[in-house]
């Protein structure tokens, strides 16, 4: 079907309508469903309770009445109406790999690859305290929301500010913070109103095993108790074997995965620097029994053939950061090769310090264009495939595709209003091509999480956004001074 119709456009479920979206070009990202012009209804709990092609039915059936594919339970007379005016309505982007606390560190390490860039960032963070990390993370989370990223896998900054020497394969602990250094970052994501899965690094080279296990349990319990259930995508292990000095780290991570039933995303073979040393550590995860459907490789730019075969056989996934990999000169992840092996792929924005603009549209284009150039093949990755990886594919690798990633009944109403006419991108020949290739942040008009607006481009910044900006500038400058960094940020 084309833009004027939808195969199996969807049935409805019971519930009171809180928001009705009409006159939309719906890009649902449901597999097998093409874009169509239609409507969507959202319940009071923030989930989609109906979606269909054409005009909104005048009479909507009540719960239990049944009906055809364009019907929904509830009443459109309640709640508010959003007339999309013919604009594209699509799922919010999911960043399956993010470091939200680094929002104030753009412009550091501009000529450095991974380890040099990281050292410059950590030098500033060495002067930051608990409340600083709250505001840093809040700014990063609000920045994500304003750019259409409604859910994030967030690698929290751990209690330890590490100094890593890749040549000596040695990590030295610097300043050590209390547990609330981490939990305040959890608070920030929730206060920004986006969905977050919080990853916790074990820091086992600074603490004994009992402390490691206790810290993880504390943060996980805090997250479940303090974050609204709808915004809490859970906790995860921040895989850190890339920087570890022994296989003990892999064993502890595997233990926590089993104990808490959580996923583990590990930065791995991101850069070509000391690559044989990095690849050798793959065996640590393999021997610890960590590999499996709940294990994700972050970056995975330089894997060996054996690593790909074993990861695929175990059912492991991978998260791709095309913008970050280009910015840091890390290399090009050969996504077609990984997909052909059977590895599931998600996409992340990484952090503002190595993507500079948290722009998912830019991220998609850099990814597609880089792979097409690498393979000298314009069909190696198509727009819909790229968009799927940055939405439903990311939800799948994180294990939350029952909640987010596509617009369908029963899922959270996380969606964007993107207008390719403002500014005008020309006639639409292919909806996916226009959305992925021609649209950008300038076309992003509104962002909704659970049917509630978190960004409106037509309105001035909220008080929270204004406060986060002011706090970020002041606190980053203070942290730099506290850390003894001789050149600080410009003050405007």
Protein backbone atom coordinates (compact mmCIF):
# COMPACT_ATOMS: atom_id res chain seq x y z
CA UNK A 1 0.00 0.00 0.00
CA UNK A 2 1.13 3.60 -0.53
CA UNK A 3 0.70 6.79 1.45
CA UNK A 4 -3.10 6.81 1.02
CA UNK A 5 -3.83 3.39 2.49
CA UNK A 6 -2.66 0.87 5.04
CA UNK A 7 -2.83 -2.88 5.06
CA UNK A 8 -4.21 -4.03 8.41
CA UNK A 9 -4.09 -0.52 9.80
CA UNK A 10 -4.99 -1.78 13.29
CA UNK A 11 -7.75 -2.55 15.71
CA UNK A 12 -8.36 -0.75 18.97
CA UNK A 13 -8.48 -1.66 22.63
CA UNK A 14 -10.48 -0.35 25.55
CA UNK A 15 -9.66 2.90 27.30
CA UNK A 16 -10.45 6.60 27.57
CA UNK A 17 -8.96 8.75 24.84
CA UNK A 18 -6.59 11.45 26.10
CA UNK A 19 -5.17 12.56 22.74
CA UNK A 20 -6.32 12.13 19.16
CA UNK A 21 -3.94 12.74 16.26
CA UNK A 22 -5.62 13.42 12.94
CA UNK A 23 -4.58 14.32 9.39
CA UNK A 24 -1.20 12.60 9.74
CA UNK A 25 1.09 10.81 7.33
CA UNK A 26 1.80 7.88 9.62
CA UNK A 27 5.16 6.13 9.36
CA UNK A 28 4.51 3.41 11.92
CA UNK A 29 7.62 1.24 11.40
CA UNK A 30 5.45 -1.83 11.89
CA UNK A 31 7.03 -4.53 9.74
CA UNK A 32 5.14 -5.00 6.49
CA UNK A 33 3.12 -1.81 6.88
CA UNK A 34 3.68 1.07 4.48
CA UNK A 35 3.12 4.74 5.39
CA UNK A 36 -0.51 5.87 5.23
CA UNK A 37 -2.62 8.94 5.85
CA UNK A 38 -4.73 8.53 8.94
CA UNK A 39 -5.27 9.02 12.66
CA UNK A 40 -4.11 7.72 16.04
CA UNK A 41 -5.64 7.78 19.52
CA UNK A 42 -3.76 7.71 22.81
CA UNK A 43 -5.14 6.59 26.15
CA UNK A 44 -4.74 8.25 29.53
CA UNK A 45 -1.93 5.82 30.36
CA UNK A 46 0.11 7.10 27.40
CA UNK A 47 -0.30 4.03 25.22
CA UNK A 48 -1.72 3.90 21.72
CA UNK A 49 -5.28 2.59 21.84
CA UNK A 50 -6.11 2.93 18.16
CA UNK A 51 -4.69 3.80 14.78
CA UNK A 52 -6.20 3.70 11.34
CA UNK A 53 -6.22 4.95 7.77
CA UNK A 54 -8.37 7.77 6.43
CA UNK A 55 -10.49 10.13 8.46
CA UNK A 56 -11.25 9.54 12.11
CA UNK A 57 -14.57 7.66 12.40
CA UNK A 58 -17.42 9.88 13.60
CA UNK A 59 -18.64 7.22 15.99
CA UNK A 60 -15.97 5.23 17.77
CA UNK A 61 -17.07 1.92 19.36
CA UNK A 62 -16.98 1.41 23.09
CA UNK A 63 -14.92 -1.31 24.72
CA UNK A 64 -15.99 -4.82 23.77
CA UNK A 65 -17.96 -3.86 20.66
CA UNK A 66 -15.33 -4.98 18.22
CA UNK A 67 -15.11 -3.47 14.77
CA UNK A 68 -13.01 -3.28 11.65
CA UNK A 69 -9.38 -2.24 11.29
CA UNK A 70 -10.11 1.49 11.51
CA UNK A 71 -11.99 1.41 14.81
CA UNK A 72 -10.87 2.16 18.35
CA UNK A 73 -12.47 1.86 21.73
CA UNK A 74 -13.14 5.01 23.68
CA UNK A 75 -14.37 8.43 22.68
CA UNK A 76 -12.51 11.03 20.67
CA UNK A 77 -14.69 13.69 22.30
CA UNK A 78 -12.51 13.50 25.40
CA UNK A 79 -8.94 14.70 25.62
CA UNK A 80 -7.19 16.93 23.12
CA UNK A 81 -6.91 16.92 19.35
CA UNK A 82 -3.61 17.25 17.48
CA UNK A 83 -4.12 18.10 13.83
CA UNK A 84 -0.85 17.14 12.16
CA UNK A 85 -1.84 19.10 9.05
CA UNK A 86 -0.56 16.38 6.75
CA UNK A 87 2.88 16.24 8.39
CA UNK A 88 4.74 12.98 9.03
CA UNK A 89 4.07 11.30 12.37
CA UNK A 90 6.73 8.69 13.15
CA UNK A 91 8.10 6.85 16.22
CA UNK A 92 10.51 8.72 18.45
CA UNK A 93 14.13 7.82 17.85
CA UNK A 94 15.83 5.43 20.27
CA UNK A 95 19.49 5.96 21.10
CA UNK A 96 20.61 2.48 22.10
CA UNK A 97 24.04 3.79 23.20
CA UNK A 98 24.37 7.14 25.00
CA UNK A 99 26.41 8.99 27.61
CA UNK A 100 24.02 11.74 28.65
CA UNK A 101 26.28 13.37 31.24
CA UNK A 102 28.76 14.53 28.58
CA UNK A 103 26.50 17.23 27.16
CA UNK A 104 28.73 20.07 28.36
CA UNK A 105 31.95 18.71 26.87
CA UNK A 106 31.54 19.44 23.17
CA UNK A 107 34.72 20.78 21.63
CA UNK A 108 37.17 18.72 23.68
CA UNK A 109 39.67 16.41 21.99
CA UNK A 110 38.79 17.74 18.55
CA UNK A 111 41.89 16.19 16.97
CA UNK A 112 42.06 13.08 19.16
CA UNK A 113 41.02 9.50 18.63
CA UNK A 114 39.19 7.58 21.35
CA UNK A 115 41.69 7.40 24.18
CA UNK A 116 43.08 10.92 23.81
CA UNK A 117 39.58 12.34 23.49
CA UNK A 118 38.43 10.42 26.56
CA UNK A 119 41.39 11.67 28.60
CA UNK A 120 40.46 15.29 27.87
CA UNK A 121 36.86 14.68 28.90
CA UNK A 122 37.82 12.89 32.12
CA UNK A 123 40.23 15.68 33.02
CA UNK A 124 37.27 18.07 33.30
CA UNK A 125 34.95 15.58 34.98
CA UNK A 126 37.57 15.04 37.69
CA UNK A 127 36.42 18.36 39.14
CA UNK A 128 32.68 17.59 39.09
CA UNK A 129 30.53 16.64 42.05
CA UNK A 130 27.21 14.89 42.62
CA UNK A 131 24.91 17.80 41.72
CA UNK A 132 27.06 18.68 38.74
CA UNK A 133 26.37 15.25 37.27
CA UNK A 134 22.66 15.78 37.78
CA UNK A 135 22.66 18.99 35.75
CA UNK A 136 25.03 17.63 33.11
CA UNK A 137 22.73 14.65 32.59
CA UNK A 138 19.57 16.73 32.67
CA UNK A 139 20.94 19.01 29.97
CA UNK A 140 21.89 16.01 27.84
CA UNK A 141 18.48 14.39 28.33
CA UNK A 142 16.59 17.56 27.44
CA UNK A 143 18.82 17.97 24.40
CA UNK A 144 17.86 14.44 23.33
CA UNK A 145 14.16 15.21 23.80
CA UNK A 146 14.37 18.41 21.74
CA UNK A 147 16.03 16.45 18.94
CA UNK A 148 13.42 13.72 18.74
CA UNK A 149 15.15 11.07 20.85
CA UNK A 150 12.49 9.77 23.20
CA UNK A 151 14.34 6.77 24.70
CA UNK A 152 17.98 6.18 25.57
CA UNK A 153 20.28 3.48 26.83
CA UNK A 154 22.43 5.61 29.14
CA UNK A 155 25.92 4.66 30.29
CA UNK A 156 26.00 6.55 33.57
CA UNK A 157 29.29 8.01 34.70
CA UNK A 158 30.38 5.60 37.39
CA UNK A 159 31.49 6.41 40.92
CA UNK A 160 35.11 6.39 39.78
CA UNK A 161 36.81 8.84 37.44
CA UNK A 162 39.26 6.54 35.69
CA UNK A 163 42.55 7.27 33.97
CA UNK A 164 43.29 4.61 31.37
CA UNK A 165 46.63 3.87 29.70
CA UNK A 166 45.81 1.75 26.67
CA UNK A 167 49.44 0.88 25.95
CA UNK A 168 50.04 -0.43 29.47
CA UNK A 169 46.51 -1.88 29.58
CA UNK A 170 46.07 -0.31 32.99
CA UNK A 171 43.25 1.71 34.53
CA UNK A 172 44.04 3.94 37.50
CA UNK A 173 41.21 5.15 39.74
CA UNK A 174 41.13 8.88 40.33
CA UNK A 175 38.43 10.61 42.35
CA UNK A 176 35.90 8.20 43.92
CA UNK A 177 32.33 9.36 44.62
CA UNK A 178 29.41 8.08 46.71
CA UNK A 179 26.57 6.09 45.15
CA UNK A 180 24.40 9.17 44.67
CA UNK A 181 26.90 10.32 42.03
CA UNK A 182 25.14 7.68 39.92
CA UNK A 183 21.58 7.89 41.26
CA UNK A 184 21.37 11.63 40.63
CA UNK A 185 22.00 10.87 36.96
CA UNK A 186 19.04 8.50 37.09
CA UNK A 187 16.94 11.35 38.56
CA UNK A 188 17.93 13.64 35.70
CA UNK A 189 16.70 11.36 32.93
CA UNK A 190 13.35 11.00 34.68
CA UNK A 191 13.04 14.75 35.27
CA UNK A 192 13.60 15.35 31.55
CA UNK A 193 10.63 13.12 30.75
CA UNK A 194 12.37 10.65 28.44
CA UNK A 195 12.59 6.88 28.82
CA UNK A 196 15.94 5.60 30.00
CA UNK A 197 17.68 2.30 30.58
CA UNK A 198 20.50 3.07 33.02
CA UNK A 199 23.76 1.14 32.66
CA UNK A 200 26.00 0.77 35.69
CA UNK A 201 29.74 0.18 35.50
CA UNK A 202 31.03 -2.21 38.16
CA UNK A 203 34.35 -0.47 38.98
CA UNK A 204 35.61 -3.82 40.25
CA UNK A 205 39.24 -2.69 40.03
CA UNK A 206 38.50 -0.04 42.67
CA UNK A 207 36.14 -1.99 44.96
CA UNK A 208 35.90 -5.52 46.30
CA UNK A 209 33.31 -7.94 44.95
CA UNK A 210 30.81 -7.38 47.76
CA UNK A 211 30.87 -3.61 47.19
CA UNK A 212 30.45 -4.08 43.44
CA UNK A 213 27.40 -6.29 43.85
CA UNK A 214 25.93 -4.01 46.50
CA UNK A 215 26.34 -0.82 44.43
CA UNK A 216 24.62 -2.37 41.43
CA UNK A 217 21.74 -3.58 43.60
CA UNK A 218 21.43 -0.16 45.25
CA UNK A 219 21.21 1.71 41.96
CA UNK A 220 18.80 -0.82 40.45
CA UNK A 221 16.52 -0.62 43.50
CA UNK A 222 16.70 3.18 43.55
CA UNK A 223 15.75 3.33 39.86
CA UNK A 224 12.74 1.08 40.33
CA UNK A 225 11.59 3.06 43.37
CA UNK A 226 12.14 6.60 42.12
CA UNK A 227 11.63 6.61 38.35
CA UNK A 228 8.02 6.56 37.08
CA UNK A 229 7.37 3.05 35.83
CA UNK A 230 6.52 4.18 32.31
CA UNK A 231 9.84 6.02 31.95
CA UNK A 232 11.95 3.26 33.49
CA UNK A 233 13.30 0.87 30.87
CA UNK A 234 15.32 -0.88 33.56
CA UNK A 235 18.94 -1.16 34.53
CA UNK A 236 21.80 -2.85 32.71
CA UNK A 237 25.47 -3.71 33.06
CA UNK A 238 27.92 -1.17 31.66
CA UNK A 239 30.36 -3.60 30.07
CA UNK A 240 33.91 -2.41 30.76
CA UNK A 241 36.17 -5.30 29.79
CA UNK A 242 37.76 -3.13 27.09
CA UNK A 243 39.50 -1.24 29.91
CA UNK A 244 39.90 -4.15 32.35
CA UNK A 245 43.17 -5.67 33.45
CA UNK A 246 41.89 -9.19 34.12
CA UNK A 247 39.13 -11.66 33.27
CA UNK A 248 37.61 -11.08 36.72
CA UNK A 249 35.65 -8.13 35.30
CA UNK A 250 33.94 -10.32 32.69
CA UNK A 251 33.07 -12.92 35.32
CA UNK A 252 31.50 -10.31 37.62
CA UNK A 253 29.52 -8.78 34.78
CA UNK A 254 28.20 -12.22 33.82
CA UNK A 255 27.24 -12.88 37.44
CA UNK A 256 25.24 -9.65 37.62
CA UNK A 257 23.53 -10.41 34.31
CA UNK A 258 22.36 -13.74 35.73
CA UNK A 259 21.50 -12.44 39.19
CA UNK A 260 19.38 -9.51 37.99
CA UNK A 261 18.24 -10.83 34.62
CA UNK A 262 19.58 -7.73 32.83
CA UNK A 263 21.35 -7.00 29.59
CA UNK A 264 25.00 -6.02 29.25
CA UNK A 265 26.28 -3.59 26.64
CA UNK A 266 30.06 -3.55 26.39
CA UNK A 267 32.19 -1.06 24.50
CA UNK A 268 34.30 -3.33 22.36
CA UNK A 269 36.87 -3.05 19.54
CA UNK A 270 35.72 0.52 19.00
CA UNK A 271 39.09 1.73 17.81
CA UNK A 272 41.97 0.16 15.90
CA UNK A 273 44.44 1.25 18.60
CA UNK A 274 46.07 -1.73 20.39
CA UNK A 275 43.55 -3.87 18.53
CA UNK A 276 45.08 -7.27 19.27
CA UNK A 277 44.99 -6.51 22.98
CA UNK A 278 41.29 -5.64 22.70
CA UNK A 279 40.42 -8.70 20.63
CA UNK A 280 42.14 -11.00 23.10
CA UNK A 281 39.67 -9.91 25.78
CA UNK A 282 36.76 -11.29 23.77
CA UNK A 283 37.64 -14.71 25.19
CA UNK A 284 37.04 -13.38 28.71
CA UNK A 285 33.37 -12.76 27.93
CA UNK A 286 33.09 -16.06 26.09
CA UNK A 287 34.63 -18.06 28.95
CA UNK A 288 32.50 -16.23 31.54
CA UNK A 289 29.33 -17.31 29.74
CA UNK A 290 28.26 -13.71 29.17
CA UNK A 291 27.56 -14.00 25.44
CA UNK A 292 23.94 -14.53 24.52
CA UNK A 293 20.73 -12.69 23.56
CA UNK A 294 21.13 -10.32 26.52
CA UNK A 295 24.63 -9.28 25.47
CA UNK A 296 25.32 -6.31 23.19
CA UNK A 297 28.57 -5.08 21.70
CA UNK A 298 28.77 -1.29 21.62
CA UNK A 299 30.59 -0.15 18.46
CA UNK A 300 32.12 -3.50 17.37
CA UNK A 301 34.02 -1.70 14.60
CA UNK A 302 37.05 -4.01 14.37
CA UNK A 303 35.94 -7.57 15.19
CA UNK A 304 37.73 -10.63 13.83
CA UNK A 305 35.88 -13.25 11.80
CA UNK A 306 35.91 -15.56 14.81
CA UNK A 307 34.37 -12.90 17.03
CA UNK A 308 31.57 -12.29 14.55
CA UNK A 309 30.85 -16.02 14.22
CA UNK A 310 30.75 -16.58 17.98
CA UNK A 311 28.67 -13.45 18.67
CA UNK A 312 26.15 -14.43 16.01
CA UNK A 313 25.96 -18.05 17.20
CA UNK A 314 25.30 -16.85 20.76
CA UNK A 315 22.51 -14.51 19.62
CA UNK A 316 24.33 -11.37 20.73
CA UNK A 317 23.47 -7.94 19.33
CA UNK A 318 25.44 -4.85 18.38
CA UNK A 319 24.84 -1.10 18.63
CA UNK A 320 26.22 1.15 15.90
CA UNK A 321 27.28 4.79 16.37
CA UNK A 322 28.07 6.09 12.85
CA UNK A 323 28.54 9.76 13.77
CA UNK A 324 30.74 9.04 16.77
CA UNK A 325 32.86 6.54 14.86
CA UNK A 326 33.51 9.16 12.20
CA UNK A 327 34.15 12.02 14.63
CA UNK A 328 36.76 10.04 16.57
CA UNK A 329 38.32 8.37 13.55
CA UNK A 330 37.43 5.00 15.01
CA UNK A 331 36.66 3.32 11.71
CA UNK A 332 33.61 2.04 9.86
CA UNK A 333 31.46 -0.73 11.32
CA UNK A 334 30.67 -3.10 8.46
CA UNK A 335 26.95 -3.38 9.17
CA UNK A 336 26.07 -5.45 6.08
CA UNK A 337 28.68 -8.02 7.11
CA UNK A 338 27.33 -8.18 10.67
CA UNK A 339 23.71 -8.38 9.52
CA UNK A 340 24.55 -11.15 7.06
CA UNK A 341 26.07 -13.12 9.96
CA UNK A 342 22.77 -12.80 11.86
CA UNK A 343 23.73 -10.16 14.41
CA UNK A 344 20.89 -7.87 15.50
CA UNK A 345 21.66 -4.16 15.06
CA UNK A 346 20.58 -1.10 17.01
CA UNK A 347 21.75 2.48 16.61
CA UNK A 348 22.94 5.09 19.12
CA UNK A 349 23.88 8.76 19.22
CA UNK A 350 26.68 8.09 21.73
CA UNK A 351 27.20 11.44 23.48
CA UNK A 352 27.19 15.12 22.64
CA UNK A 353 30.95 15.33 23.08
CA UNK A 354 31.60 12.98 20.17
CA UNK A 355 28.57 13.66 17.99
CA UNK A 356 28.49 17.42 18.69
CA UNK A 357 24.84 17.63 17.61
CA UNK A 358 22.61 14.85 18.90
CA UNK A 359 20.91 14.72 15.52
CA UNK A 360 19.36 11.34 14.65
CA UNK A 361 18.68 12.46 11.08
CA UNK A 362 22.37 13.30 10.63
CA UNK A 363 23.26 10.01 12.31
CA UNK A 364 21.18 8.07 9.78
CA UNK A 365 22.63 9.90 6.81
CA UNK A 366 26.23 9.53 7.94
CA UNK A 367 25.60 5.82 8.46
CA UNK A 368 24.03 5.22 5.06
CA UNK A 369 26.43 7.38 3.10
CA UNK A 370 29.52 5.91 4.77
CA UNK A 371 28.47 2.33 4.06
CA UNK A 372 27.48 3.09 0.49
CA UNK A 373 30.89 4.68 -0.08
CA UNK A 374 32.68 1.77 1.61
CA UNK A 375 30.91 -0.86 -0.49
CA UNK A 376 30.52 1.30 -3.64
CA UNK A 377 26.94 0.10 -3.64
CA UNK A 378 23.94 2.43 -3.28
CA UNK A 379 21.65 -0.47 -2.34
CA UNK A 380 23.77 -1.79 0.51
CA UNK A 381 21.59 0.08 3.02
CA UNK A 382 18.22 1.64 2.21
CA UNK A 383 16.40 4.45 4.07
CA UNK A 384 13.71 2.27 5.66
CA UNK A 385 16.32 -0.18 6.94
CA UNK A 386 18.30 2.64 8.53
CA UNK A 387 15.20 4.18 10.13
CA UNK A 388 14.14 0.79 11.47
CA UNK A 389 17.51 0.28 13.16
CA UNK A 390 17.21 3.69 14.87
CA UNK A 391 13.69 2.92 16.14
CA UNK A 392 12.28 -0.61 16.30
CA UNK A 393 15.67 -2.29 15.81
CA UNK A 394 17.11 -0.42 18.79
CA UNK A 395 14.10 -1.39 20.89
CA UNK A 396 14.62 -5.02 19.90
CA UNK A 397 18.28 -5.20 20.90
CA UNK A 398 17.43 -3.57 24.24
CA UNK A 399 14.62 -6.05 24.78
CA UNK A 400 11.91 -3.39 25.08
CA UNK A 401 10.23 -3.71 21.67
CA UNK A 402 6.98 -4.69 23.41
CA UNK A 403 6.85 -1.11 24.72
CA UNK A 404 8.47 1.22 22.19
CA UNK A 405 9.97 1.43 18.70
CA UNK A 406 6.86 1.47 16.49
CA UNK A 407 3.41 3.03 16.44
CA UNK A 408 0.93 0.26 17.15
CA UNK A 409 -1.85 -0.50 19.59
CA UNK A 410 -0.59 -1.32 23.07
CA UNK A 411 2.76 0.44 22.73
CA UNK A 412 3.78 3.76 24.23
CA UNK A 413 2.75 6.81 22.20
CA UNK A 414 6.27 8.15 21.66
CA UNK A 415 6.16 10.03 18.39
CA UNK A 416 7.46 12.95 16.37
CA UNK A 417 5.71 15.44 14.12
CA UNK A 418 8.06 16.16 11.21
CA UNK A 419 6.95 18.49 8.43
CA UNK A 420 8.89 18.17 5.14
CA UNK A 421 7.17 21.35 3.91
CA UNK A 422 8.66 23.59 6.61
CA UNK A 423 11.17 24.22 5.21
CA UNK A 424 10.08 22.67 1.95
CA UNK A 425 11.98 19.59 0.81
CA UNK A 426 10.04 19.22 -2.45
CA UNK A 427 7.54 16.60 -3.63
CA UNK A 428 7.52 13.25 -1.83
CA UNK A 429 8.32 10.41 -4.22
CA UNK A 430 9.29 7.99 -1.46
CA UNK A 431 8.24 8.71 2.14
CA UNK A 432 11.22 6.94 3.69
CA UNK A 433 13.69 8.67 1.37
CA UNK A 434 12.24 12.09 2.19
CA UNK A 435 12.20 11.38 5.91
CA UNK A 436 15.72 9.94 6.16
CA UNK A 437 17.58 11.81 3.43
CA UNK A 438 15.83 15.20 3.23
CA UNK A 439 14.38 15.92 6.67
CA UNK A 440 16.30 17.11 9.69
CA UNK A 441 15.97 18.95 12.96
CA UNK A 442 14.74 22.01 11.08
CA UNK A 443 11.65 19.96 10.08
CA UNK A 444 11.03 18.60 13.59
CA UNK A 445 8.00 20.41 14.98
CA UNK A 446 6.88 18.45 18.04
CA UNK A 447 8.04 15.56 20.23
CA UNK A 448 5.72 13.44 22.38
CA UNK A 449 6.52 10.84 25.04
CA UNK A 450 3.56 8.77 26.13
CA UNK A 451 1.24 11.15 24.29
CA UNK A 452 2.54 14.12 26.28
CA UNK A 453 4.50 16.94 24.61
CA UNK A 454 8.15 17.23 25.66
CA UNK A 455 9.19 19.65 22.90
CA UNK A 456 7.39 22.16 20.70
CA UNK A 457 9.56 24.05 18.22
CA UNK A 458 7.01 26.86 18.01
CA UNK A 459 7.31 27.75 21.68
CA UNK A 460 10.11 29.32 23.74
CA UNK A 461 12.26 26.96 25.85
CA UNK A 462 10.67 25.82 29.10
CA UNK A 463 11.87 27.05 32.49
CA UNK A 464 13.53 23.67 33.03
CA UNK A 465 15.44 23.89 29.74
CA UNK A 466 16.56 27.44 30.54
CA UNK A 467 17.66 26.45 34.04
CA UNK A 468 19.55 23.40 32.78
CA UNK A 469 21.44 25.51 30.27
CA UNK A 470 22.47 28.09 32.86
CA UNK A 471 23.49 25.44 35.38
CA UNK A 472 25.47 23.49 32.78
CA UNK A 473 27.57 26.46 31.71
CA UNK A 474 28.36 27.51 35.27
CA UNK A 475 29.04 24.02 36.55
CA UNK A 476 31.26 22.87 33.67
CA UNK A 477 33.41 26.00 34.08
CA UNK A 478 33.64 25.38 37.84
CA UNK A 479 34.51 21.71 37.37
CA UNK A 480 37.29 22.63 34.96
CA UNK A 481 38.76 25.08 37.47
CA UNK A 482 38.47 22.54 40.30
CA UNK A 483 40.29 19.96 38.18
CA UNK A 484 43.08 22.39 37.33
CA UNK A 485 42.31 22.46 33.63
CA UNK A 486 44.17 25.56 32.50
CA UNK A 487 41.90 26.56 29.62
CA UNK A 488 38.21 26.66 30.35
CA UNK A 489 35.07 27.20 28.25
CA UNK A 490 34.20 30.64 26.94
CA UNK A 491 31.56 32.41 29.00
CA UNK A 492 28.80 34.17 27.05
